[in-house]
């Protein structure tokens, strides 16, 4: 089964909704490529407002959420996203990119 790695950026965390101000940029079939794009802020994922990012893994098919995700926080000094531990505000949420 093929896996897809969706990239979603967002402005902040929210206790009620999980995240606020989100945009899904797209996906890759290669996890390392998705990580490279996020970590290096390729195509300016940040856009001066998206302080956080997440890569979510989906399996091919309907409701293919694979329960694997990597969270990042943007660092202005380096112009890169730095991996962070999963924030408590989103532990009970899934499907940021495609629902």
N, C-alpha and C. Protein backbone atom coordinates (compact mmCIF):
# COMPACT_ATOMS: atom_id res chain seq x y z
N UNK A 1 0.84 -1.17 0.00
CA UNK A 1 0.00 0.00 0.00
C UNK A 1 0.89 1.24 0.00
N UNK A 2 0.53 2.21 -0.80
CA UNK A 2 1.30 3.44 -0.93
C UNK A 2 0.98 4.40 0.22
N UNK A 3 2.02 5.09 0.72
CA UNK A 3 1.84 6.09 1.76
C UNK A 3 2.05 7.48 1.18
N UNK A 4 1.32 8.44 1.73
CA UNK A 4 1.41 9.84 1.32
C UNK A 4 1.71 10.68 2.55
N UNK A 5 2.52 11.71 2.36
CA UNK A 5 2.94 12.57 3.46
C UNK A 5 2.45 13.98 3.18
N UNK A 6 1.37 14.37 3.85
CA UNK A 6 0.73 15.66 3.64
C UNK A 6 1.36 16.73 4.53
N UNK A 7 1.58 17.90 3.95
CA UNK A 7 2.19 19.03 4.65
C UNK A 7 1.12 20.09 4.89
N UNK A 8 0.89 20.41 6.17
CA UNK A 8 -0.05 21.45 6.55
C UNK A 8 0.67 22.44 7.46
N UNK A 9 0.50 23.72 7.18
CA UNK A 9 1.04 24.77 8.05
C UNK A 9 -0.13 25.45 8.74
N UNK A 10 0.14 26.04 9.91
CA UNK A 10 -0.94 26.71 10.63
C UNK A 10 -0.36 27.78 11.54
N UNK A 11 -1.25 28.69 11.97
CA UNK A 11 -0.81 29.85 12.74
C UNK A 11 -0.58 29.56 14.21
N UNK A 12 -1.50 28.81 14.83
CA UNK A 12 -1.35 28.56 16.26
C UNK A 12 -2.17 27.34 16.67
N UNK A 13 -1.96 26.91 17.91
CA UNK A 13 -2.71 25.81 18.48
C UNK A 13 -3.96 26.35 19.17
N UNK A 14 -4.99 25.52 19.25
CA UNK A 14 -6.24 25.91 19.87
C UNK A 14 -6.78 24.71 20.65
N UNK A 15 -7.10 24.90 21.93
CA UNK A 15 -7.58 23.79 22.75
C UNK A 15 -8.88 23.18 22.23
N UNK A 16 -9.73 23.99 21.62
CA UNK A 16 -11.04 23.50 21.16
C UNK A 16 -10.97 22.90 19.75
N UNK A 17 -10.22 23.55 18.86
CA UNK A 17 -10.20 23.14 17.45
C UNK A 17 -8.92 22.43 17.03
N UNK A 18 -7.94 22.37 17.89
CA UNK A 18 -6.66 21.75 17.55
C UNK A 18 -5.68 22.76 16.98
N UNK A 19 -6.02 23.32 15.82
CA UNK A 19 -5.17 24.33 15.20
C UNK A 19 -6.06 25.44 14.64
N UNK A 20 -5.44 26.58 14.37
CA UNK A 20 -6.14 27.74 13.79
C UNK A 20 -5.34 28.27 12.61
N UNK A 21 -6.05 28.75 11.61
CA UNK A 21 -5.40 29.38 10.47
C UNK A 21 -4.53 28.44 9.68
N UNK A 22 -5.12 27.38 9.13
CA UNK A 22 -4.34 26.33 8.48
C UNK A 22 -4.40 26.38 6.96
N UNK A 23 -3.36 25.85 6.35
CA UNK A 23 -3.29 25.69 4.90
C UNK A 23 -2.52 24.41 4.59
N UNK A 24 -3.12 23.54 3.79
CA UNK A 24 -2.42 22.34 3.33
C UNK A 24 -1.72 22.68 2.03
N UNK A 25 -0.41 22.53 2.03
CA UNK A 25 0.39 22.89 0.85
C UNK A 25 0.43 21.77 -0.19
N UNK A 26 0.30 20.54 0.24
CA UNK A 26 0.39 19.44 -0.72
C UNK A 26 0.91 18.19 -0.04
N UNK A 27 1.40 17.27 -0.86
CA UNK A 27 1.88 16.00 -0.32
C UNK A 27 3.00 15.43 -1.17
N UNK A 28 3.71 14.48 -0.59
CA UNK A 28 4.78 13.73 -1.26
C UNK A 28 4.58 12.25 -0.99
N UNK A 29 5.15 11.43 -1.83
CA UNK A 29 5.15 9.99 -1.60
C UNK A 29 6.45 9.54 -0.95
N UNK A 30 7.35 10.47 -0.72
CA UNK A 30 8.63 10.20 -0.08
C UNK A 30 8.72 11.02 1.21
N UNK A 31 8.79 10.34 2.33
CA UNK A 31 8.81 11.00 3.64
C UNK A 31 10.01 11.93 3.78
N UNK A 32 11.17 11.49 3.34
CA UNK A 32 12.37 12.32 3.45
C UNK A 32 12.24 13.61 2.64
N UNK A 33 11.61 13.54 1.48
CA UNK A 33 11.40 14.73 0.67
C UNK A 33 10.44 15.69 1.37
N UNK A 34 9.37 15.16 1.96
CA UNK A 34 8.43 16.00 2.70
C UNK A 34 9.13 16.68 3.87
N UNK A 35 9.95 15.95 4.59
CA UNK A 35 10.70 16.52 5.71
C UNK A 35 11.65 17.60 5.23
N UNK A 36 12.33 17.36 4.13
CA UNK A 36 13.27 18.34 3.58
C UNK A 36 12.55 19.64 3.23
N UNK A 37 11.40 19.52 2.57
CA UNK A 37 10.62 20.70 2.17
C UNK A 37 10.21 21.51 3.39
N UNK A 38 9.68 20.86 4.41
CA UNK A 38 9.25 21.57 5.61
C UNK A 38 10.45 22.15 6.35
N UNK A 39 11.42 21.34 6.65
CA UNK A 39 12.55 21.78 7.46
C UNK A 39 13.30 22.95 6.82
N UNK A 40 13.31 23.01 5.51
CA UNK A 40 14.03 24.08 4.81
C UNK A 40 13.13 25.19 4.29
N UNK A 41 11.86 25.15 4.68
CA UNK A 41 10.91 26.20 4.33
C UNK A 41 10.87 26.46 2.82
N UNK A 42 10.88 25.38 2.06
CA UNK A 42 10.86 25.49 0.60
C UNK A 42 9.56 26.16 0.15
N UNK A 43 9.66 27.04 -0.81
CA UNK A 43 8.54 27.86 -1.35
C UNK A 43 7.95 28.79 -0.30
N UNK A 44 8.68 29.09 0.74
CA UNK A 44 8.23 29.97 1.82
C UNK A 44 6.91 29.49 2.41
N UNK A 45 6.92 28.29 2.97
CA UNK A 45 5.75 27.76 3.66
C UNK A 45 5.31 28.70 4.78
N UNK A 46 6.24 29.39 5.40
CA UNK A 46 5.95 30.26 6.54
C UNK A 46 5.04 31.43 6.15
N UNK A 47 5.33 32.10 5.06
CA UNK A 47 4.57 33.26 4.58
C UNK A 47 4.32 34.30 5.67
N UNK A 48 5.21 34.44 6.60
CA UNK A 48 5.19 35.38 7.74
C UNK A 48 4.08 35.11 8.76
N UNK A 49 3.26 34.08 8.58
CA UNK A 49 2.16 33.86 9.52
C UNK A 49 2.03 32.42 10.02
N UNK A 50 2.59 31.47 9.32
CA UNK A 50 2.40 30.06 9.69
C UNK A 50 3.57 29.59 10.55
N UNK A 51 3.42 29.76 11.86
CA UNK A 51 4.50 29.45 12.79
C UNK A 51 4.69 27.96 13.05
N UNK A 52 3.74 27.15 12.62
CA UNK A 52 3.82 25.71 12.86
C UNK A 52 3.53 24.93 11.59
N UNK A 53 4.02 23.72 11.56
CA UNK A 53 3.77 22.82 10.44
C UNK A 53 3.63 21.39 10.96
N UNK A 54 2.94 20.57 10.19
CA UNK A 54 2.81 19.16 10.52
C UNK A 54 2.87 18.35 9.23
N UNK A 55 3.56 17.23 9.30
CA UNK A 55 3.54 16.25 8.22
C UNK A 55 2.74 15.07 8.74
N UNK A 56 1.67 14.73 8.03
CA UNK A 56 0.82 13.59 8.42
C UNK A 56 0.94 12.49 7.38
N UNK A 57 1.00 11.27 7.85
CA UNK A 57 1.07 10.13 6.96
C UNK A 57 -0.33 9.56 6.73
N UNK A 58 -0.64 9.33 5.46
CA UNK A 58 -1.90 8.69 5.08
C UNK A 58 -1.59 7.50 4.19
N UNK A 59 -2.34 6.42 4.39
CA UNK A 59 -2.27 5.29 3.48
C UNK A 59 -3.22 5.55 2.32
N UNK A 60 -2.93 4.96 1.20
CA UNK A 60 -3.80 5.09 0.04
C UNK A 60 -5.21 4.59 0.38
N UNK A 61 -6.23 5.28 -0.12
CA UNK A 61 -7.60 4.84 0.06
C UNK A 61 -8.43 5.78 0.91
N UNK A 62 -9.63 5.35 1.22
CA UNK A 62 -10.57 6.13 2.02
C UNK A 62 -10.22 5.98 3.50
N UNK A 63 -10.25 7.09 4.23
CA UNK A 63 -9.95 7.09 5.67
C UNK A 63 -8.62 6.40 5.97
N UNK A 64 -7.61 6.77 5.23
CA UNK A 64 -6.31 6.11 5.35
C UNK A 64 -5.37 6.73 6.36
N UNK A 65 -5.89 7.46 7.33
CA UNK A 65 -5.01 8.09 8.30
C UNK A 65 -4.14 7.04 8.98
N UNK A 66 -2.83 7.24 8.97
CA UNK A 66 -1.89 6.23 9.45
C UNK A 66 -1.35 6.50 10.85
N UNK A 67 -1.86 7.52 11.53
CA UNK A 67 -1.47 7.81 12.92
C UNK A 67 0.02 8.09 13.09
N UNK A 68 0.62 8.70 12.08
CA UNK A 68 2.01 9.12 12.19
C UNK A 68 2.07 10.58 11.77
N UNK A 69 2.67 11.42 12.62
CA UNK A 69 2.80 12.83 12.26
C UNK A 69 4.02 13.42 12.94
N UNK A 70 4.54 14.46 12.30
CA UNK A 70 5.72 15.16 12.80
C UNK A 70 5.37 16.64 12.86
N UNK A 71 5.57 17.25 14.02
CA UNK A 71 5.26 18.67 14.20
C UNK A 71 6.54 19.50 14.17
N UNK A 72 6.38 20.75 13.71
CA UNK A 72 7.49 21.69 13.58
C UNK A 72 7.08 23.07 14.05
N UNK A 73 8.08 23.85 14.48
CA UNK A 73 7.89 25.27 14.80
C UNK A 73 8.88 26.07 13.97
N UNK A 74 8.41 27.16 13.41
CA UNK A 74 9.27 27.99 12.57
C UNK A 74 10.26 28.80 13.41
N UNK A 75 11.49 28.90 12.93
CA UNK A 75 12.54 29.68 13.57
C UNK A 75 12.96 30.79 12.60
N UNK A 76 12.61 32.04 12.95
CA UNK A 76 12.90 33.16 12.05
C UNK A 76 14.39 33.37 11.81
N UNK A 77 15.19 33.14 12.82
CA UNK A 77 16.63 33.37 12.68
C UNK A 77 17.26 32.50 11.59
N UNK A 78 16.87 31.24 11.56
CA UNK A 78 17.44 30.32 10.57
C UNK A 78 16.58 30.19 9.31
N UNK A 79 15.35 30.73 9.35
CA UNK A 79 14.39 30.60 8.26
C UNK A 79 14.09 29.12 7.96
N UNK A 80 14.00 28.34 9.04
CA UNK A 80 13.73 26.91 8.92
C UNK A 80 12.69 26.50 9.95
N UNK A 81 12.06 25.37 9.69
CA UNK A 81 11.16 24.76 10.68
C UNK A 81 11.96 23.73 11.47
N UNK A 82 11.81 23.77 12.78
CA UNK A 82 12.52 22.87 13.68
C UNK A 82 11.52 21.88 14.27
N UNK A 83 11.87 20.60 14.24
CA UNK A 83 10.97 19.57 14.77
C UNK A 83 10.74 19.77 16.27
N UNK A 84 9.47 19.59 16.69
CA UNK A 84 9.09 19.71 18.10
C UNK A 84 8.30 18.46 18.51
N UNK A 85 8.17 18.26 19.80
CA UNK A 85 7.33 17.15 20.27
C UNK A 85 5.86 17.51 20.04
N UNK A 86 5.04 16.49 19.94
CA UNK A 86 3.62 16.73 19.69
C UNK A 86 3.01 17.55 20.81
N UNK A 87 2.43 18.70 20.50
CA UNK A 87 1.82 19.55 21.52
C UNK A 87 0.56 18.93 22.12
N UNK A 88 0.33 19.20 23.39
CA UNK A 88 -0.81 18.63 24.10
C UNK A 88 -2.14 19.05 23.48
N UNK A 89 -2.21 20.24 22.89
CA UNK A 89 -3.46 20.74 22.32
C UNK A 89 -3.99 19.89 21.16
N UNK A 90 -3.13 19.10 20.55
CA UNK A 90 -3.56 18.34 19.36
C UNK A 90 -3.53 16.82 19.55
N UNK A 91 -3.24 16.36 20.73
CA UNK A 91 -3.13 14.91 20.95
C UNK A 91 -4.41 14.15 20.60
N UNK A 92 -5.56 14.79 20.73
CA UNK A 92 -6.83 14.10 20.46
C UNK A 92 -7.43 14.49 19.11
N UNK A 93 -6.65 15.12 18.24
CA UNK A 93 -7.10 15.49 16.89
C UNK A 93 -6.36 14.68 15.83
N UNK A 94 -7.04 14.36 14.74
CA UNK A 94 -6.39 13.72 13.60
C UNK A 94 -6.91 14.38 12.33
N UNK A 95 -6.20 14.19 11.26
CA UNK A 95 -6.66 14.65 9.95
C UNK A 95 -6.61 16.14 9.74
N UNK A 96 -5.48 16.78 9.98
CA UNK A 96 -5.36 18.21 9.77
C UNK A 96 -5.38 18.57 8.29
N UNK A 97 -4.87 17.70 7.46
CA UNK A 97 -4.74 18.04 6.05
C UNK A 97 -5.98 17.72 5.22
N UNK A 98 -6.52 16.53 5.36
CA UNK A 98 -7.69 16.18 4.53
C UNK A 98 -8.89 15.73 5.35
N UNK A 99 -8.85 15.97 6.64
CA UNK A 99 -10.01 15.70 7.48
C UNK A 99 -10.16 14.31 7.99
